C-alpha atoms as a PDB file:
ATOM      1  CA  MET A   1      19.628  88.616 -39.821  1.00  0.00           C
ATOM      2  CA  ASP A   2      18.369  91.189 -42.296  1.00  0.00           C
ATOM      3  CA  ASP A   3      21.190  92.044 -44.738  1.00  0.00           C
ATOM      4  CA  ASP A   4      19.742  95.550 -45.231  1.00  0.00           C
ATOM      5  CA  ILE A   5      20.369  96.498 -41.599  1.00  0.00           C
ATOM      6  CA  GLN A   6      23.948  97.420 -40.782  1.00  0.00           C
ATOM      7  CA  VAL A   7      24.835  98.201 -37.191  1.00  0.00           C
ATOM      8  CA  ASN A   8      28.234  99.884 -37.229  1.00  0.00           C
ATOM      9  CA  ALA A   9      28.902  99.977 -33.519  1.00  0.00           C
ATOM     10  CA  LEU A  10      27.195  99.683 -30.158  1.00  0.00           C
ATOM     11  CA  ALA A  11      28.341 101.906 -27.319  1.00  0.00           C
ATOM     12  CA  LEU A  12      27.923 102.143 -23.584  1.00  0.00           C
ATOM     13  CA  ASN A  13      29.069 104.679 -21.032  1.00  0.00           C
ATOM     14  CA  VAL A  14      30.464 103.485 -17.734  1.00  0.00           C
ATOM     15  CA  ASP A  15      31.239 105.517 -14.616  1.00  0.00           C
ATOM     16  CA  ILE A  16      34.702 104.782 -13.274  1.00  0.00           C
ATOM     17  CA  PRO A  17      34.419 104.170  -9.514  1.00  0.00           C
ATOM     18  CA  ALA A  18      36.327 106.762  -7.492  1.00  0.00           C
ATOM     19  CA  HIS A  19      38.964 104.265  -6.325  1.00  0.00           C
ATOM     20  CA  LEU A  20      39.820 103.355  -9.954  1.00  0.00           C
ATOM     21  CA  ARG A  21      39.985 106.873 -11.388  1.00  0.00           C
ATOM     22  CA  TRP A  22      43.299 108.256 -12.530  1.00  0.00           C
ATOM     23  CA  GLU A  23      44.716 111.517 -13.796  1.00  0.00           C
ATOM     24  CA  ASP A  24      46.288 112.316 -17.141  1.00  0.00           C
ATOM     25  CA  GLU A  25      47.577 115.476 -18.747  1.00  0.00           C
ATOM     26  CA  ARG A  26      46.756 117.201 -22.007  1.00  0.00           C
ATOM     27  CA  ARG A  27      48.284 120.496 -23.164  1.00  0.00           C
ATOM     28  CA  GLY A  28      49.583 121.263 -19.684  1.00  0.00           C
ATOM     29  CA  GLU A  29      46.238 120.668 -17.976  1.00  0.00           C
ATOM     30  CA  THR A  30      45.538 117.754 -15.610  1.00  0.00           C
ATOM     31  CA  PHE A  31      42.306 115.805 -16.035  1.00  0.00           C
ATOM     32  CA  GLU A  32      40.624 113.275 -13.757  1.00  0.00           C
ATOM     33  CA  LEU A  33      39.304 110.379 -15.842  1.00  0.00           C
ATOM     34  CA  GLN A  34      35.731 109.684 -14.701  1.00  0.00           C
ATOM     35  CA  THR A  35      33.974 107.642 -17.394  1.00  0.00           C
ATOM     36  CA  LEU A  36      34.670 105.074 -20.068  1.00  0.00           C
ATOM     37  CA  THR A  37      32.990 104.848 -23.445  1.00  0.00           C
ATOM     38  CA  VAL A  38      33.100 101.263 -24.670  1.00  0.00           C
ATOM     39  CA  ARG A  39      32.256 100.550 -28.307  1.00  0.00           C
ATOM     40  CA  LEU A  40      31.550  97.115 -29.738  1.00  0.00           C
ATOM     41  CA  LEU A  41      32.904  97.290 -33.265  1.00  0.00           C
ATOM     42  CA  PRO A  42      31.572  95.369 -36.300  1.00  0.00           C
ATOM     43  CA  ASP A  43      34.415  92.833 -35.974  1.00  0.00           C
ATOM     44  CA  ASP A  44      33.254  92.072 -32.385  1.00  0.00           C
ATOM     45  CA  THR A  45      36.273  93.743 -30.771  1.00  0.00           C
ATOM     46  CA  LEU A  46      36.013  96.512 -28.187  1.00  0.00           C
ATOM     47  CA  ALA A  47      37.347 100.054 -28.425  1.00  0.00           C
ATOM     48  CA  VAL A  48      37.550 102.008 -25.163  1.00  0.00           C
ATOM     49  CA  LYS A  49      38.210 105.666 -24.409  1.00  0.00           C
ATOM     50  CA  ALA A  50      38.355 107.357 -21.026  1.00  0.00           C
ATOM     51  CA  TYR A  51      36.848 110.799 -20.516  1.00  0.00           C
ATOM     52  CA  GLY A  52      37.497 113.334 -17.840  1.00  0.00           C
ATOM     53  CA  ARG A  53      37.260 116.879 -16.604  1.00  0.00           C
ATOM     54  CA  PRO A  54      39.990 119.311 -15.570  1.00  0.00           C
ATOM     55  CA  VAL A  55      41.142 118.810 -11.986  1.00  0.00           C
ATOM     56  CA  ALA A  56      41.349 122.583 -11.584  1.00  0.00           C
ATOM     57  CA  GLY A  57      37.610 122.821 -12.266  1.00  0.00           C
ATOM     58  CA  GLY A  58      35.947 125.431 -14.396  1.00  0.00           C
ATOM     59  CA  ARG A  59      34.158 124.949 -17.662  1.00  0.00           C
ATOM     60  CA  GLY A  60      36.904 122.922 -19.292  1.00  0.00           C
ATOM     61  CA  ALA A  61      36.003 120.485 -22.016  1.00  0.00           C
ATOM     62  CA  TYR A  62      35.177 116.858 -21.399  1.00  0.00           C
ATOM     63  CA  VAL A  63      38.271 115.354 -23.046  1.00  0.00           C
ATOM     64  CA  SER A  64      39.032 111.811 -24.221  1.00  0.00           C
ATOM     65  CA  PHE A  65      42.166 109.824 -23.370  1.00  0.00           C
ATOM     66  CA  PRO A  66      43.307 106.266 -24.001  1.00  0.00           C
ATOM     67  CA  ALA A  67      41.830 103.954 -21.388  1.00  0.00           C
ATOM     68  CA  ARG A  68      44.285 102.684 -18.819  1.00  0.00           C
ATOM     69  CA  ARG A  69      44.785  98.930 -18.923  1.00  0.00           C
ATOM     70  CA  SER A  70      44.770  97.138 -15.602  1.00  0.00           C
ATOM     71  CA  PRO A  71      43.063  94.016 -14.267  1.00  0.00           C
ATOM     72  CA  GLU A  72      40.580  96.235 -12.385  1.00  0.00           C
ATOM     73  CA  ILE A  73      39.699  98.419 -15.386  1.00  0.00           C
ATOM     74  CA  ASP A  74      39.488  95.349 -17.647  1.00  0.00           C
ATOM     75  CA  ALA A  75      37.113  93.709 -15.135  1.00  0.00           C
ATOM     76  CA  LEU A  76      35.001  96.884 -15.032  1.00  0.00           C
ATOM     77  CA  ILE A  77      34.719  96.856 -18.835  1.00  0.00           C
ATOM     78  CA  GLU A  78      33.787  93.149 -18.862  1.00  0.00           C
ATOM     79  CA  ALA A  79      31.162  93.627 -16.155  1.00  0.00           C
ATOM     80  CA  ALA A  80      29.712  96.650 -17.950  1.00  0.00           C
ATOM     81  CA  ALA A  81      29.558  94.777 -21.260  1.00  0.00           C
ATOM     82  CA  SER A  82      27.783  91.856 -19.574  1.00  0.00           C
ATOM     83  CA  GLU A  83      25.282  94.201 -17.918  1.00  0.00           C
ATOM     84  CA  ALA A  84      24.683  96.004 -21.225  1.00  0.00           C
ATOM     85  CA  ALA A  85      24.075  92.665 -22.972  1.00  0.00           C
ATOM     86  CA  ARG A  86      21.611  91.682 -20.265  1.00  0.00           C
ATOM     87  CA  ARG A  87      19.764  94.983 -20.625  1.00  0.00           C
ATOM     88  CA  TRP A  88      19.696  94.820 -24.429  1.00  0.00           C
ATOM     89  CA  SER A  89      18.295  91.282 -24.345  1.00  0.00           C
ATOM     90  CA  ALA A  90      15.620  92.328 -21.830  1.00  0.00           C
ATOM     91  CA  ASN A  91      14.558  95.500 -23.632  1.00  0.00           C
ATOM     92  CA  ARG A  92      10.818  96.056 -24.021  1.00  0.00           C
ATOM     93  CA  GLY A  93      10.999  98.081 -27.219  1.00  0.00           C
ATOM     94  CA  LEU A  94      10.004 101.674 -27.804  1.00  0.00           C
END
């Protein structure tokens, strides 16, 4: 590997299937968590955040929350990481 090239993190965005979504609250507003952002860090560990929109609707911000840990969410993250690896390895360049 070229020592001059430093990749700090790789990221992928994953839709949370409707049956796995959950709600969380921030500053008195309830959000439905709809996506995960998974980052592969330089030490080969994963960092995951969940993002969602206000349940009440409107133009509320897309806000991040800690990702819920469960066997189903963990399996979703693993499957997404495997699919991302497959796609990266099959890329055809620019």
